Amino acid sequence: MQFQHPVSKKRKKPTNPNSFTASCTIRPKGGVAPFAARSAKITLGGMFVDSLVAPQVDSKVTIDIVPREGLPMRVQARVVHVTPKRGFGCIFTRISDLSSACLTRWLGHCGGMPAVSGVIEA
């Protein structure tokens, strides 16, 4: 039997039930050194990053996502929650049209769901 997590009332995009991982480089704003991490869950609107290091809530980061197949993607995001020694969740605040198209293809399950592109008010 597969456990199903309850959907948060705050979540605007469904998560991928077949969560995949990708290598990421997190580049916090404000002169903090970049660090490597892995994406754990990703949607068209944000992601959870597996990492022992976590920026503070409300910090802005640039994330380079490198899937095993396909083009690398760069997104700008805002950290919305931190789980100590596990990682952090963030919402995308800016994503290029190309990265949005790559992400939509990569997620596959989104079907008719519109891709997010440009600037998002968050």
C-alpha atoms as a PDB file:
ATOM      1  CA  MET A   1       0.000   0.000   0.000  1.00  0.00           C
ATOM      2  CA  GLN A   2       1.368   3.384  -0.993  1.00  0.00           C
ATOM      3  CA  PHE A   3       1.147   6.200   1.578  1.00  0.00           C
ATOM      4  CA  GLN A   4      -0.457   9.367   0.250  1.00  0.00           C
ATOM      5  CA  HIS A   5       0.513  12.657   1.866  1.00  0.00           C
ATOM      6  CA  PRO A   6      -2.398  14.991   2.504  1.00  0.00           C
ATOM      7  CA  VAL A   7      -2.424  17.961   0.131  1.00  0.00           C
ATOM      8  CA  SER A   8      -1.654  21.212   1.879  1.00  0.00           C
ATOM      9  CA  LYS A   9      -4.286  23.909   1.553  1.00  0.00           C
ATOM     10  CA  LYS A  10      -1.438  26.343   0.814  1.00  0.00           C
ATOM     11  CA  ARG A  11      -0.048  24.292  -2.100  1.00  0.00           C
ATOM     12  CA  LYS A  12      -1.063  25.769  -5.453  1.00  0.00           C
ATOM     13  CA  LYS A  13       0.472  23.113  -7.710  1.00  0.00           C
ATOM     14  CA  PRO A  14       0.200  19.334  -7.274  1.00  0.00           C
ATOM     15  CA  THR A  15       3.401  17.476  -6.472  1.00  0.00           C
ATOM     16  CA  ASN A  16       4.694  14.753  -8.726  1.00  0.00           C
ATOM     17  CA  PRO A  17       3.687  11.447  -7.093  1.00  0.00           C
ATOM     18  CA  ASN A  18       6.687   9.806  -8.782  1.00  0.00           C
ATOM     19  CA  SER A  19       9.140  12.299  -7.331  1.00  0.00           C
ATOM     20  CA  PHE A  20      12.460  12.388  -9.105  1.00  0.00           C
ATOM     21  CA  THR A  21      15.740  13.900  -8.112  1.00  0.00           C
ATOM     22  CA  ALA A  22      18.181  16.154  -9.900  1.00  0.00           C
ATOM     23  CA  SER A  23      21.476  17.746  -9.003  1.00  0.00           C
ATOM     24  CA  CYS A  24      21.188  21.388  -7.979  1.00  0.00           C
ATOM     25  CA  THR A  25      23.488  24.256  -7.215  1.00  0.00           C
ATOM     26  CA  ILE A  26      21.981  26.712  -4.756  1.00  0.00           C
ATOM     27  CA  ARG A  27      23.235  30.290  -5.013  1.00  0.00           C
ATOM     28  CA  PRO A  28      21.971  32.343  -2.052  1.00  0.00           C
ATOM     29  CA  LYS A  29      21.815  36.113  -2.479  1.00  0.00           C
ATOM     30  CA  GLY A  30      24.039  38.374  -0.412  1.00  0.00           C
ATOM     31  CA  GLY A  31      27.482  36.941  -1.002  1.00  0.00           C
ATOM     32  CA  VAL A  32      26.897  33.537   0.626  1.00  0.00           C
ATOM     33  CA  ALA A  33      28.883  30.761  -1.069  1.00  0.00           C
ATOM     34  CA  PRO A  34      26.974  28.462  -3.466  1.00  0.00           C
ATOM     35  CA  PHE A  35      26.437  24.861  -2.388  1.00  0.00           C
ATOM     36  CA  ALA A  36      25.432  21.575  -4.014  1.00  0.00           C
ATOM     37  CA  ALA A  37      22.142  19.849  -3.195  1.00  0.00           C
ATOM     38  CA  ARG A  38      19.481  17.543  -4.676  1.00  0.00           C
ATOM     39  CA  SER A  39      15.891  18.301  -5.598  1.00  0.00           C
ATOM     40  CA  ALA A  40      13.501  16.000  -3.757  1.00  0.00           C
ATOM     41  CA  LYS A  41      10.101  17.105  -5.002  1.00  0.00           C
ATOM     42  CA  ILE A  42       9.438  19.613  -7.711  1.00  0.00           C
ATOM     43  CA  THR A  43       6.341  21.224  -9.197  1.00  0.00           C
ATOM     44  CA  LEU A  44       5.747  23.987 -11.715  1.00  0.00           C
ATOM     45  CA  GLY A  45       5.628  26.439  -8.804  1.00  0.00           C
ATOM     46  CA  GLY A  46       8.428  25.350  -6.490  1.00  0.00           C
ATOM     47  CA  MET A  47      10.488  22.554  -4.993  1.00  0.00           C
ATOM     48  CA  PHE A  48      11.896  20.940  -1.870  1.00  0.00           C
ATOM     49  CA  VAL A  49      15.686  20.814  -1.751  1.00  0.00           C
ATOM     50  CA  ASP A  50      17.445  18.016   0.157  1.00  0.00           C
ATOM     51  CA  SER A  51      20.393  19.641   1.900  1.00  0.00           C
ATOM     52  CA  LEU A  52      22.067  19.811   5.290  1.00  0.00           C
ATOM     53  CA  VAL A  53      22.563  23.534   4.581  1.00  0.00           C
ATOM     54  CA  ALA A  54      19.485  25.747   4.394  1.00  0.00           C
ATOM     55  CA  PRO A  55      19.079  29.475   3.773  1.00  0.00           C
ATOM     56  CA  GLN A  56      16.804  31.377   6.142  1.00  0.00           C
ATOM     57  CA  VAL A  57      13.063  31.604   5.482  1.00  0.00           C
ATOM     58  CA  ASP A  58      12.244  34.462   3.078  1.00  0.00           C
ATOM     59  CA  SER A  59      15.775  34.503   1.593  1.00  0.00           C
ATOM     60  CA  LYS A  60      16.112  34.664  -2.158  1.00  0.00           C
ATOM     61  CA  VAL A  61      18.144  32.053  -4.018  1.00  0.00           C
ATOM     62  CA  THR A  62      19.038  31.165  -7.585  1.00  0.00           C
ATOM     63  CA  ILE A  63      18.849  27.440  -8.286  1.00  0.00           C
ATOM     64  CA  ASP A  64      20.549  25.656 -11.180  1.00  0.00           C
ATOM     65  CA  ILE A  65      18.731  22.354 -11.745  1.00  0.00           C
ATOM     66  CA  VAL A  66      20.614  19.732 -13.749  1.00  0.00           C
ATOM     67  CA  PRO A  67      18.479  16.717 -14.697  1.00  0.00           C
ATOM     68  CA  ARG A  68      20.096  13.489 -15.853  1.00  0.00           C
ATOM     69  CA  GLU A  69      18.431  14.008 -19.231  1.00  0.00           C
ATOM     70  CA  GLY A  70      17.381  17.262 -20.807  1.00  0.00           C
ATOM     71  CA  LEU A  71      18.559  20.829 -20.533  1.00  0.00           C
ATOM     72  CA  PRO A  72      19.729  22.440 -17.293  1.00  0.00           C
ATOM     73  CA  MET A  73      17.298  24.957 -15.849  1.00  0.00           C
ATOM     74  CA  ARG A  74      17.841  28.102 -13.783  1.00  0.00           C
ATOM     75  CA  VAL A  75      15.141  29.502 -11.524  1.00  0.00           C
ATOM     76  CA  GLN A  76      14.969  32.233  -8.939  1.00  0.00           C
ATOM     77  CA  ALA A  77      13.119  31.308  -5.776  1.00  0.00           C
ATOM     78  CA  ARG A  78      12.169  32.382  -2.267  1.00  0.00           C
ATOM     79  CA  VAL A  79      12.622  30.036   0.705  1.00  0.00           C
ATOM     80  CA  VAL A  80       9.257  29.450   2.394  1.00  0.00           C
ATOM     81  CA  HIS A  81      10.109  26.802   4.991  1.00  0.00           C
ATOM     82  CA  VAL A  82      13.139  25.055   6.468  1.00  0.00           C
ATOM     83  CA  THR A  83      13.376  21.580   7.969  1.00  0.00           C
ATOM     84  CA  PRO A  84      16.642  21.512   9.952  1.00  0.00           C
ATOM     85  CA  LYS A  85      19.192  18.925   8.751  1.00  0.00           C
ATOM     86  CA  ARG A  86      16.801  17.856   5.973  1.00  0.00           C
ATOM     87  CA  GLY A  87      16.403  20.778   3.583  1.00  0.00           C
ATOM     88  CA  PHE A  88      14.111  23.595   2.566  1.00  0.00           C
ATOM     89  CA  GLY A  89      11.064  24.351   0.464  1.00  0.00           C
ATOM     90  CA  CYS A  90      10.947  27.256  -1.948  1.00  0.00           C
ATOM     91  CA  ILE A  91       8.594  28.819  -4.441  1.00  0.00           C
ATOM     92  CA  PHE A  92       9.750  29.977  -7.850  1.00  0.00           C
ATOM     93  CA  THR A  93       9.664  33.741  -8.305  1.00  0.00           C
ATOM     94  CA  ARG A  94      11.236  33.924 -11.771  1.00  0.00           C
ATOM     95  CA  ILE A  95      11.750  31.311 -14.460  1.00  0.00           C
ATOM     96  CA  SER A  96      12.606  31.780 -18.127  1.00  0.00           C
ATOM     97  CA  ASP A  97      10.237  30.588 -20.835  1.00  0.00           C
ATOM     98  CA  LEU A  98      12.830  27.987 -21.909  1.00  0.00           C
ATOM     99  CA  SER A  99      13.299  26.662 -18.349  1.00  0.00           C
ATOM    100  CA  SER A 100       9.526  26.635 -17.863  1.00  0.00           C
ATOM    101  CA  ALA A 101       9.054  24.589 -21.048  1.00  0.00           C
ATOM    102  CA  CYS A 102      11.833  22.173 -19.987  1.00  0.00           C
ATOM    103  CA  LEU A 103      10.308  21.785 -16.537  1.00  0.00           C
ATOM    104  CA  THR A 104       6.837  21.181 -17.973  1.00  0.00           C
ATOM    105  CA  ARG A 105       8.211  18.481 -20.295  1.00  0.00           C
ATOM    106  CA  TRP A 106      10.274  17.012 -17.480  1.00  0.00           C
ATOM    107  CA  LEU A 107       7.301  16.728 -15.136  1.00  0.00           C
ATOM    108  CA  GLY A 108       5.266  15.052 -17.869  1.00  0.00           C
ATOM    109  CA  HIS A 109       2.326  14.376 -15.572  1.00  0.00           C
ATOM    110  CA  CYS A 110       1.115  17.975 -15.767  1.00  0.00           C
ATOM    111  CA  GLY A 111      -0.735  17.454 -19.065  1.00  0.00           C
ATOM    112  CA  GLY A 112      -2.940  20.493 -19.659  1.00  0.00           C
ATOM    113  CA  MET A 113      -1.595  22.430 -16.703  1.00  0.00           C
ATOM    114  CA  PRO A 114      -0.225  25.801 -17.866  1.00  0.00           C
ATOM    115  CA  ALA A 115       3.479  26.449 -17.351  1.00  0.00           C
ATOM    116  CA  VAL A 116       4.584  29.319 -15.178  1.00  0.00           C
ATOM    117  CA  SER A 117       6.886  31.800 -16.843  1.00  0.00           C
ATOM    118  CA  GLY A 118       8.161  35.301 -16.309  1.00  0.00           C
ATOM    119  CA  VAL A 119       7.783  37.016 -12.942  1.00  0.00           C
ATOM    120  CA  ILE A 120       5.456  35.654 -10.292  1.00  0.00           C
ATOM    121  CA  GLU A 121       4.182  37.842  -7.492  1.00  0.00           C
ATOM    122  CA  ALA A 122       5.092  35.869  -4.385  1.00  0.00           C
END
